[in-house]
Each structure stands twice: as structure tokens, then as C-alpha cells.
PDB file of all heavy atoms in Angstrom:
ATOM      1  N   LEU A   1      -3.921   2.779  14.634  1.00  0.00           N
ATOM      2  CA  LEU A   1      -5.058   2.908  13.720  1.00  0.00           C
ATOM      3  C   LEU A   1      -4.934   4.174  12.901  1.00  0.00           C
ATOM      4  O   LEU A   1      -4.493   5.188  13.436  1.00  0.00           O
ATOM      5  CB  LEU A   1      -6.372   2.927  14.510  1.00  0.00           C
ATOM      6  CG  LEU A   1      -6.725   1.636  15.220  1.00  0.00           C
ATOM      7  CD1 LEU A   1      -7.965   1.843  16.076  1.00  0.00           C
ATOM      8  CD2 LEU A   1      -6.953   0.502  14.256  1.00  0.00           C
ATOM      9  N   PRO A   2      -5.336   4.171  11.668  1.00  0.00           N
ATOM     10  CA  PRO A   2      -5.610   2.967  10.882  1.00  0.00           C
ATOM     11  C   PRO A   2      -4.304   2.304  10.455  1.00  0.00           C
ATOM     12  O   PRO A   2      -3.274   2.949  10.307  1.00  0.00           O
ATOM     13  CB  PRO A   2      -6.343   3.521   9.657  1.00  0.00           C
ATOM     14  CG  PRO A   2      -5.826   4.907   9.493  1.00  0.00           C
ATOM     15  CD  PRO A   2      -5.525   5.399  10.882  1.00  0.00           C
ATOM     16  N   THR A   3      -4.361   1.001  10.272  1.00  0.00           N
ATOM     17  CA  THR A   3      -3.229   0.239   9.766  1.00  0.00           C
ATOM     18  C   THR A   3      -3.615  -0.263   8.384  1.00  0.00           C
ATOM     19  O   THR A   3      -4.714  -0.773   8.199  1.00  0.00           O
ATOM     20  CB  THR A   3      -2.909  -0.952  10.697  1.00  0.00           C
ATOM     21  OG1 THR A   3      -2.553  -0.448  11.977  1.00  0.00           O
ATOM     22  CG2 THR A   3      -1.772  -1.783  10.142  1.00  0.00           C
ATOM     23  N   ILE A   4      -2.710  -0.110   7.436  1.00  0.00           N
ATOM     24  CA  ILE A   4      -2.989  -0.528   6.063  1.00  0.00           C
ATOM     25  C   ILE A   4      -1.986  -1.604   5.665  1.00  0.00           C
ATOM     26  O   ILE A   4      -0.785  -1.466   5.907  1.00  0.00           O
ATOM     27  CB  ILE A   4      -2.898   0.662   5.088  1.00  0.00           C
ATOM     28  CG1 ILE A   4      -3.935   1.716   5.474  1.00  0.00           C
ATOM     29  CG2 ILE A   4      -3.102   0.200   3.652  1.00  0.00           C
ATOM     30  CD1 ILE A   4      -3.827   3.000   4.684  1.00  0.00           C
ATOM     31  N   TYR A   5      -2.522  -2.669   5.088  1.00  0.00           N
ATOM     32  CA  TYR A   5      -1.693  -3.749   4.577  1.00  0.00           C
ATOM     33  C   TYR A   5      -1.907  -3.905   3.080  1.00  0.00           C
ATOM     34  O   TYR A   5      -3.006  -3.716   2.578  1.00  0.00           O
ATOM     35  CB  TYR A   5      -2.057  -5.083   5.233  1.00  0.00           C
ATOM     36  CG  TYR A   5      -1.500  -5.255   6.609  1.00  0.00           C
ATOM     37  CD1 TYR A   5      -2.279  -5.005   7.728  1.00  0.00           C
ATOM     38  CD2 TYR A   5      -0.201  -5.697   6.801  1.00  0.00           C
ATOM     39  CE1 TYR A   5      -1.774  -5.164   8.998  1.00  0.00           C
ATOM     40  CE2 TYR A   5       0.311  -5.858   8.080  1.00  0.00           C
ATOM     41  CZ  TYR A   5      -0.478  -5.600   9.169  1.00  0.00           C
ATOM     42  OH  TYR A   5       0.033  -5.760  10.413  1.00  0.00           O
ATOM     43  N   HIS A   6      -0.840  -4.274   2.392  1.00  0.00           N
ATOM     44  CA  HIS A   6      -0.929  -4.721   1.010  1.00  0.00           C
ATOM     45  C   HIS A   6      -0.707  -6.226   1.060  1.00  0.00           C
ATOM     46  O   HIS A   6       0.189  -6.704   1.756  1.00  0.00           O
ATOM     47  CB  HIS A   6       0.163  -4.063   0.147  1.00  0.00           C
ATOM     48  CG  HIS A   6       0.206  -4.626  -1.239  1.00  0.00           C
ATOM     49  ND1 HIS A   6       1.011  -5.688  -1.574  1.00  0.00           N
ATOM     50  CD2 HIS A   6      -0.473  -4.275  -2.357  1.00  0.00           C
ATOM     51  CE1 HIS A   6       0.828  -5.963  -2.858  1.00  0.00           C
ATOM     52  NE2 HIS A   6      -0.057  -5.116  -3.352  1.00  0.00           N
ATOM     53  N   ALA A   7      -1.544  -6.972   0.354  1.00  0.00           N
ATOM     54  CA  ALA A   7      -1.380  -8.420   0.292  1.00  0.00           C
ATOM     55  C   ALA A   7      -1.396  -8.841  -1.167  1.00  0.00           C
ATOM     56  O   ALA A   7      -2.244  -8.391  -1.939  1.00  0.00           O
ATOM     57  CB  ALA A   7      -2.494  -9.120   1.050  1.00  0.00           C
ATOM     58  N   ASN A   8      -0.450  -9.660  -1.520  1.00  0.00           N
ATOM     59  CA  ASN A   8      -0.392 -10.197  -2.873  1.00  0.00           C
ATOM     60  C   ASN A   8      -0.207 -11.704  -2.760  1.00  0.00           C
ATOM     61  O   ASN A   8       0.860 -12.170  -2.387  1.00  0.00           O
ATOM     62  CB  ASN A   8       0.738  -9.558  -3.677  1.00  0.00           C
ATOM     63  CG  ASN A   8       0.649  -9.882  -5.147  1.00  0.00           C
ATOM     64  OD1 ASN A   8      -0.428 -10.147  -5.666  1.00  0.00           O
ATOM     65  ND2 ASN A   8       1.788  -9.856  -5.825  1.00  0.00           N
ATOM     66  N   ASP A   9      -1.270 -12.446  -3.047  1.00  0.00           N
ATOM     67  CA  ASP A   9      -1.275 -13.908  -2.951  1.00  0.00           C
ATOM     68  C   ASP A   9      -0.758 -14.397  -1.601  1.00  0.00           C
ATOM     69  O   ASP A   9       0.072 -15.296  -1.521  1.00  0.00           O
ATOM     70  CB  ASP A   9      -0.480 -14.530  -4.098  1.00  0.00           C
ATOM     71  CG  ASP A   9      -1.164 -14.314  -5.448  1.00  0.00           C
ATOM     72  OD1 ASP A   9      -2.417 -14.284  -5.478  1.00  0.00           O
ATOM     73  OD2 ASP A   9      -0.460 -14.165  -6.451  1.00  0.00           O
ATOM     74  N   GLY A  10      -1.237 -13.778  -0.531  1.00  0.00           N
ATOM     75  CA  GLY A  10      -0.913 -14.210   0.818  1.00  0.00           C
ATOM     76  C   GLY A  10       0.368 -13.653   1.398  1.00  0.00           C
ATOM     77  O   GLY A  10       0.712 -13.954   2.536  1.00  0.00           O
ATOM     78  N   VAL A  11       1.097 -12.838   0.651  1.00  0.00           N
ATOM     79  CA  VAL A  11       2.308 -12.187   1.169  1.00  0.00           C
ATOM     80  C   VAL A  11       1.909 -10.781   1.593  1.00  0.00           C
ATOM     81  O   VAL A  11       1.461  -9.982   0.783  1.00  0.00           O
ATOM     82  CB  VAL A  11       3.427 -12.144   0.110  1.00  0.00           C
ATOM     83  CG1 VAL A  11       4.640 -11.411   0.648  1.00  0.00           C
ATOM     84  CG2 VAL A  11       3.781 -13.547  -0.349  1.00  0.00           C
ATOM     85  N   PHE A  12       2.056 -10.512   2.883  1.00  0.00           N
ATOM     86  CA  PHE A  12       1.594  -9.242   3.458  1.00  0.00           C
ATOM     87  C   PHE A  12       2.748  -8.266   3.627  1.00  0.00           C
ATOM     88  O   PHE A  12       3.844  -8.647   4.049  1.00  0.00           O
ATOM     89  CB  PHE A  12       0.933  -9.493   4.824  1.00  0.00           C
ATOM     90  CG  PHE A  12      -0.351 -10.232   4.721  1.00  0.00           C
ATOM     91  CD1 PHE A  12      -0.379 -11.621   4.692  1.00  0.00           C
ATOM     92  CD2 PHE A  12      -1.552  -9.549   4.645  1.00  0.00           C
ATOM     93  CE1 PHE A  12      -1.579 -12.304   4.588  1.00  0.00           C
ATOM     94  CE2 PHE A  12      -2.753 -10.222   4.540  1.00  0.00           C
ATOM     95  CZ  PHE A  12      -2.767 -11.609   4.511  1.00  0.00           C
ATOM     96  N   ARG A  13       2.444  -7.010   3.325  1.00  0.00           N
ATOM     97  CA  ARG A  13       3.385  -5.916   3.536  1.00  0.00           C
ATOM     98  C   ARG A  13       2.622  -4.771   4.186  1.00  0.00           C
ATOM     99  O   ARG A  13       1.510  -4.467   3.780  1.00  0.00           O
ATOM    100  CB  ARG A  13       3.980  -5.454   2.207  1.00  0.00           C
ATOM    101  CG  ARG A  13       4.914  -6.451   1.574  1.00  0.00           C
ATOM    102  CD  ARG A  13       5.300  -6.014   0.168  1.00  0.00           C
ATOM    103  NE  ARG A  13       6.334  -6.852  -0.394  1.00  0.00           N
ATOM    104  CZ  ARG A  13       6.105  -7.985  -1.048  1.00  0.00           C
ATOM    105  NH1 ARG A  13       4.870  -8.414  -1.224  1.00  0.00           N
ATOM    106  NH2 ARG A  13       7.102  -8.691  -1.534  1.00  0.00           N
ATOM    107  N   ARG A  14       3.234  -4.164   5.156  1.00  0.00           N
ATOM    108  CA  ARG A  14       2.590  -3.031   5.821  1.00  0.00           C
ATOM    109  C   ARG A  14       2.832  -1.774   5.003  1.00  0.00           C
ATOM    110  O   ARG A  14       3.979  -1.459   4.659  1.00  0.00           O
ATOM    111  CB  ARG A  14       3.152  -2.877   7.224  1.00  0.00           C
ATOM    112  CG  ARG A  14       2.569  -1.707   7.969  1.00  0.00           C
ATOM    113  CD  ARG A  14       1.920  -2.126   9.250  1.00  0.00           C
ATOM    114  NE  ARG A  14       1.373  -0.959   9.907  1.00  0.00           N
ATOM    115  CZ  ARG A  14       1.748  -0.542  11.083  1.00  0.00           C
ATOM    116  NH1 ARG A  14       2.650  -1.210  11.767  1.00  0.00           N
ATOM    117  NH2 ARG A  14       1.193   0.532  11.605  1.00  0.00           N
ATOM    118  N   TYR A  15       1.749  -1.068   4.693  1.00  0.00           N
ATOM    119  CA  TYR A  15       1.857   0.190   3.953  1.00  0.00           C
ATOM    120  C   TYR A  15       2.130   1.304   4.955  1.00  0.00           C
ATOM    121  O   TYR A  15       1.367   1.496   5.899  1.00  0.00           O
ATOM    122  CB  TYR A  15       0.559   0.462   3.191  1.00  0.00           C
ATOM    123  CG  TYR A  15       0.535   1.799   2.497  1.00  0.00           C
ATOM    124  CD1 TYR A  15       1.184   1.983   1.288  1.00  0.00           C
ATOM    125  CD2 TYR A  15      -0.123   2.886   3.057  1.00  0.00           C
ATOM    126  CE1 TYR A  15       1.176   3.215   0.640  1.00  0.00           C
ATOM    127  CE2 TYR A  15      -0.140   4.118   2.425  1.00  0.00           C
ATOM    128  CZ  TYR A  15       0.512   4.276   1.224  1.00  0.00           C
ATOM    129  OH  TYR A  15       0.493   5.491   0.600  1.00  0.00           O
ATOM    130  N   ARG A  16       3.197   2.041   4.741  1.00  0.00           N
ATOM    131  CA  ARG A  16       3.568   3.122   5.657  1.00  0.00           C
ATOM    132  C   ARG A  16       3.656   4.467   4.950  1.00  0.00           C
ATOM    133  O   ARG A  16       4.178   5.424   5.499  1.00  0.00           O
ATOM    134  CB  ARG A  16       4.891   2.805   6.339  1.00  0.00           C
ATOM    135  CG  ARG A  16       4.837   1.564   7.196  1.00  0.00           C
ATOM    136  CD  ARG A  16       6.146   1.349   7.924  1.00  0.00           C
ATOM    137  NE  ARG A  16       6.196   0.068   8.575  1.00  0.00           N
ATOM    138  CZ  ARG A  16       5.752  -0.160   9.806  1.00  0.00           C
ATOM    139  NH1 ARG A  16       5.201   0.803  10.502  1.00  0.00           N
ATOM    140  NH2 ARG A  16       5.846  -1.368  10.335  1.00  0.00           N
ATOM    141  N   GLY A  17       3.125   4.535   3.734  1.00  0.00           N
ATOM    142  CA  GLY A  17       3.200   5.772   2.963  1.00  0.00           C
ATOM    143  C   GLY A  17       2.135   6.772   3.360  1.00  0.00           C
ATOM    144  O   GLY A  17       1.387   6.593   4.317  1.00  0.00           O
ATOM    145  N   SER A  18       2.076   7.819   2.585  1.00  0.00           N
ATOM    146  CA  SER A  18       1.101   8.879   2.800  1.00  0.00           C
ATOM    147  C   SER A  18      -0.310   8.337   2.574  1.00  0.00           C
ATOM    148  O   SER A  18      -0.515   7.415   1.793  1.00  0.00           O
ATOM    149  CB  SER A  18       1.394  10.029   1.841  1.00  0.00           C
ATOM    150  OG  SER A  18       0.363  10.970   1.882  1.00  0.00           O
ATOM    151  N   ARG A  19      -1.263   8.942   3.221  1.00  0.00           N
ATOM    152  CA  ARG A  19      -2.650   8.470   3.138  1.00  0.00           C
ATOM    153  C   ARG A  19      -3.465   9.233   2.101  1.00  0.00           C
ATOM    154  O   ARG A  19      -4.666   9.357   2.209  1.00  0.00           O
ATOM    155  CB  ARG A  19      -3.312   8.589   4.514  1.00  0.00           C
ATOM    156  CG  ARG A  19      -2.514   7.941   5.656  1.00  0.00           C
ATOM    157  CD  ARG A  19      -2.748   6.459   5.700  1.00  0.00           C
ATOM    158  NE  ARG A  19      -1.842   5.739   6.562  1.00  0.00           N
ATOM    159  CZ  ARG A  19      -1.998   5.526   7.850  1.00  0.00           C
ATOM    160  NH1 ARG A  19      -2.996   6.044   8.480  1.00  0.00           N
ATOM    161  NH2 ARG A  19      -1.136   4.799   8.512  1.00  0.00           N
ATOM    162  N   THR A  20      -2.803   9.761   1.072  1.00  0.00           N
ATOM    163  CA  THR A  20      -3.526  10.476   0.017  1.00  0.00           C
ATOM    164  C   THR A  20      -3.918   9.491  -1.079  1.00  0.00           C
ATOM    165  O   THR A  20      -3.294   8.437  -1.252  1.00  0.00           O
ATOM    166  CB  THR A  20      -2.658  11.587  -0.604  1.00  0.00           C
ATOM    167  OG1 THR A  20      -1.547  10.987  -1.266  1.00  0.00           O
ATOM    168  CG2 THR A  20      -2.191  12.584   0.446  1.00  0.00           C
ATOM    169  N   LEU A  21      -4.941   9.845  -1.824  1.00  0.00           N
ATOM    170  CA  LEU A  21      -5.418   9.002  -2.914  1.00  0.00           C
ATOM    171  C   LEU A  21      -4.314   8.770  -3.950  1.00  0.00           C
ATOM    172  O   LEU A  21      -4.103   7.638  -4.401  1.00  0.00           O
ATOM    173  CB  LEU A  21      -6.651   9.635  -3.572  1.00  0.00           C
ATOM    174  CG  LEU A  21      -7.272   8.867  -4.727  1.00  0.00           C
ATOM    175  CD1 LEU A  21      -7.695   7.471  -4.298  1.00  0.00           C
ATOM    176  CD2 LEU A  21      -8.449   9.636  -5.297  1.00  0.00           C
ATOM    177  N   GLU A  22      -3.586   9.818  -4.281  1.00  0.00           N
ATOM    178  CA  GLU A  22      -2.531   9.717  -5.282  1.00  0.00           C
ATOM    179  C   GLU A  22      -1.431   8.748  -4.837  1.00  0.00           C
ATOM    180  O   GLU A  22      -0.927   7.955  -5.636  1.00  0.00           O
ATOM    181  CB  GLU A  22      -1.915  11.097  -5.575  1.00  0.00           C
ATOM    182  CG  GLU A  22      -2.876  12.082  -6.218  1.00  0.00           C
ATOM    183  CD  GLU A  22      -3.879  12.686  -5.222  1.00  0.00           C
ATOM    184  OE1 GLU A  22      -3.585  12.756  -3.995  1.00  0.00           O
ATOM    185  OE2 GLU A  22      -4.977  13.056  -5.674  1.00  0.00           O
ATOM    186  N   ASP A  23      -1.046   8.816  -3.572  1.00  0.00           N
ATOM    187  CA  ASP A  23       0.007   7.931  -3.077  1.00  0.00           C
ATOM    188  C   ASP A  23      -0.462   6.481  -2.999  1.00  0.00           C
ATOM    189  O   ASP A  23       0.308   5.559  -3.280  1.00  0.00           O
ATOM    190  CB  ASP A  23       0.527   8.403  -1.724  1.00  0.00           C
ATOM    191  CG  ASP A  23       1.419   9.629  -1.841  1.00  0.00           C
ATOM    192  OD1 ASP A  23       1.937   9.875  -2.953  1.00  0.00           O
ATOM    193  OD2 ASP A  23       1.597  10.340  -0.848  1.00  0.00           O
ATOM    194  N   LEU A  24      -1.702   6.266  -2.615  1.00  0.00           N
ATOM    195  CA  LEU A  24      -2.241   4.905  -2.584  1.00  0.00           C
ATOM    196  C   LEU A  24      -2.283   4.317  -3.990  1.00  0.00           C
ATOM    197  O   LEU A  24      -1.880   3.167  -4.203  1.00  0.00           O
ATOM    198  CB  LEU A  24      -3.641   4.898  -1.965  1.00  0.00           C
ATOM    199  CG  LEU A  24      -3.706   5.164  -0.457  1.00  0.00           C
ATOM    200  CD1 LEU A  24      -5.129   5.462  -0.026  1.00  0.00           C
ATOM    201  CD2 LEU A  24      -3.151   3.981   0.317  1.00  0.00           C
ATOM    202  N   GLN A  25      -2.739   5.114  -4.952  1.00  0.00           N
ATOM    203  CA  GLN A  25      -2.787   4.646  -6.340  1.00  0.00           C
ATOM    204  C   GLN A  25      -1.379   4.393  -6.878  1.00  0.00           C
ATOM    205  O   GLN A  25      -1.129   3.389  -7.537  1.00  0.00           O
ATOM    206  CB  GLN A  25      -3.508   5.675  -7.212  1.00  0.00           C
ATOM    207  CG  GLN A  25      -4.983   5.763  -6.934  1.00  0.00           C
ATOM    208  CD  GLN A  25      -5.646   6.947  -7.630  1.00  0.00           C
ATOM    209  OE1 GLN A  25      -4.985   7.924  -7.982  1.00  0.00           O
ATOM    210  NE2 GLN A  25      -6.950   6.853  -7.816  1.00  0.00           N
ATOM    211  N   GLY A  26      -0.458   5.294  -6.573  1.00  0.00           N
ATOM    212  CA  GLY A  26       0.924   5.137  -7.011  1.00  0.00           C
ATOM    213  C   GLY A  26       1.583   3.898  -6.428  1.00  0.00           C
ATOM    214  O   GLY A  26       2.406   3.246  -7.083  1.00  0.00           O
ATOM    215  N   TYR A  27       1.242   3.563  -5.212  1.00  0.00           N
ATOM    216  CA  TYR A  27       1.788   2.375  -4.548  1.00  0.00           C
ATOM    217  C   TYR A  27       1.473   1.120  -5.353  1.00  0.00           C
ATOM    218  O   TYR A  27       2.308   0.221  -5.471  1.00  0.00           O
ATOM    219  CB  TYR A  27       1.195   2.287  -3.139  1.00  0.00           C
ATOM    220  CG  TYR A  27       1.820   1.248  -2.248  1.00  0.00           C
ATOM    221  CD1 TYR A  27       3.072   1.448  -1.679  1.00  0.00           C
ATOM    222  CD2 TYR A  27       1.142   0.065  -1.958  1.00  0.00           C
ATOM    223  CE1 TYR A  27       3.637   0.498  -0.848  1.00  0.00           C
ATOM    224  CE2 TYR A  27       1.701  -0.891  -1.125  1.00  0.00           C
ATOM    225  CZ  TYR A  27       2.947  -0.664  -0.579  1.00  0.00           C
ATOM    226  OH  TYR A  27       3.509  -1.608   0.246  1.00  0.00           O
ATOM    227  N   ILE A  28       0.269   1.086  -5.927  1.00  0.00           N
ATOM    228  CA  ILE A  28      -0.140  -0.066  -6.733  1.00  0.00           C
ATOM    229  C   ILE A  28       0.376   0.062  -8.169  1.00  0.00           C
ATOM    230  O   ILE A  28       0.991  -0.860  -8.698  1.00  0.00           O
ATOM    231  CB  ILE A  28      -1.677  -0.218  -6.723  1.00  0.00           C
ATOM    232  CG1 ILE A  28      -2.202  -0.447  -5.306  1.00  0.00           C
ATOM    233  CG2 ILE A  28      -2.117  -1.334  -7.660  1.00  0.00           C
ATOM    234  CD1 ILE A  28      -1.664  -1.676  -4.620  1.00  0.00           C
ATOM    235  N   LEU A  29       0.108   1.198  -8.808  1.00  0.00           N
ATOM    236  CA  LEU A  29       0.479   1.373 -10.224  1.00  0.00           C
ATOM    237  C   LEU A  29       1.977   1.260 -10.464  1.00  0.00           C
ATOM    238  O   LEU A  29       2.414   0.639 -11.435  1.00  0.00           O
ATOM    239  CB  LEU A  29      -0.016   2.731 -10.734  1.00  0.00           C
ATOM    240  CG  LEU A  29      -1.516   2.848 -10.956  1.00  0.00           C
ATOM    241  CD1 LEU A  29      -1.898   4.286 -11.291  1.00  0.00           C
ATOM    242  CD2 LEU A  29      -1.974   1.900 -12.061  1.00  0.00           C
ATOM    243  N   GLU A  30       2.764   1.846  -9.561  1.00  0.00           N
ATOM    244  CA  GLU A  30       4.215   1.838  -9.715  1.00  0.00           C
ATOM    245  C   GLU A  30       4.870   0.636  -9.023  1.00  0.00           C
ATOM    246  O   GLU A  30       6.097   0.546  -8.962  1.00  0.00           O
ATOM    247  CB  GLU A  30       4.788   3.149  -9.169  1.00  0.00           C
ATOM    248  CG  GLU A  30       4.275   4.365  -9.908  1.00  0.00           C
ATOM    249  CD  GLU A  30       4.588   5.669  -9.193  1.00  0.00           C
ATOM    250  OE1 GLU A  30       5.522   5.687  -8.348  1.00  0.00           O
ATOM    251  OE2 GLU A  30       3.871   6.655  -9.451  1.00  0.00           O
ATOM    252  N   ARG A  31       4.030  -0.242  -8.490  1.00  0.00           N
ATOM    253  CA  ARG A  31       4.485  -1.469  -7.816  1.00  0.00           C
ATOM    254  C   ARG A  31       5.507  -1.171  -6.708  1.00  0.00           C
ATOM    255  O   ARG A  31       6.491  -1.891  -6.527  1.00  0.00           O
ATOM    256  CB  ARG A  31       5.027  -2.462  -8.829  1.00  0.00           C
ATOM    257  CG  ARG A  31       3.990  -2.865  -9.875  1.00  0.00           C
ATOM    258  CD  ARG A  31       4.535  -3.810 -10.911  1.00  0.00           C
ATOM    259  NE  ARG A  31       4.856  -5.125 -10.408  1.00  0.00           N
ATOM    260  CZ  ARG A  31       4.018  -6.167 -10.351  1.00  0.00           C
ATOM    261  NH1 ARG A  31       2.779  -6.029 -10.767  1.00  0.00           N
ATOM    262  NH2 ARG A  31       4.420  -7.333  -9.897  1.00  0.00           N
ATOM    263  N   LYS A  32       5.276  -0.098  -5.980  1.00  0.00           N
ATOM    264  CA  LYS A  32       6.182   0.286  -4.889  1.00  0.00           C
ATOM    265  C   LYS A  32       6.204  -0.767  -3.790  1.00  0.00           C
ATOM    266  O   LYS A  32       7.169  -0.841  -3.021  1.00  0.00           O
ATOM    267  CB  LYS A  32       5.772   1.643  -4.316  1.00  0.00           C
ATOM    268  CG  LYS A  32       5.996   2.794  -5.270  1.00  0.00           C
ATOM    269  CD  LYS A  32       5.558   4.108  -4.653  1.00  0.00           C
ATOM    270  CE  LYS A  32       5.748   5.258  -5.611  1.00  0.00           C
ATOM    271  NZ  LYS A  32       5.254   6.529  -5.067  1.00  0.00           N
ATOM    272  N   TRP A  33       5.152  -1.554  -3.713  1.00  0.00           N
ATOM    273  CA  TRP A  33       5.075  -2.587  -2.687  1.00  0.00           C
ATOM    274  C   TRP A  33       6.190  -3.624  -2.834  1.00  0.00           C
ATOM    275  O   TRP A  33       6.562  -4.272  -1.859  1.00  0.00           O
ATOM    276  CB  TRP A  33       3.704  -3.252  -2.687  1.00  0.00           C
ATOM    277  CG  TRP A  33       3.251  -3.783  -4.014  1.00  0.00           C
ATOM    278  CD1 TRP A  33       2.535  -3.116  -4.964  1.00  0.00           C
ATOM    279  CD2 TRP A  33       3.489  -5.086  -4.547  1.00  0.00           C
ATOM    280  NE1 TRP A  33       2.314  -3.920  -6.057  1.00  0.00           N
ATOM    281  CE2 TRP A  33       2.889  -5.135  -5.824  1.00  0.00           C
ATOM    282  CE3 TRP A  33       4.146  -6.210  -4.078  1.00  0.00           C
ATOM    283  CZ2 TRP A  33       2.917  -6.278  -6.625  1.00  0.00           C
ATOM    284  CZ3 TRP A  33       4.176  -7.342  -4.875  1.00  0.00           C
ATOM    285  CH2 TRP A  33       3.566  -7.370  -6.133  1.00  0.00           C
TER     286      TRP A  33
END
């Protein structure tokens, strides 16, 4: 805990990056997933 998942149309990926706001936003904006 906590466990974070990214899901895109039913395809799940476990997020293992930093827990900062900037890194979470970058994960989506830069399509790091």
C-alpha cells in the first residue's frame, strides 16, 4: 500500500514511479505508461 494502477481501455499497468505530483502528471502527459 498504496498501489497505483494505470488503466487504458481495460489494459492495466502498475505504476512504480515517484509519488510526486509532477511525476504523476508526467506519466500521463509524456505517455510513459
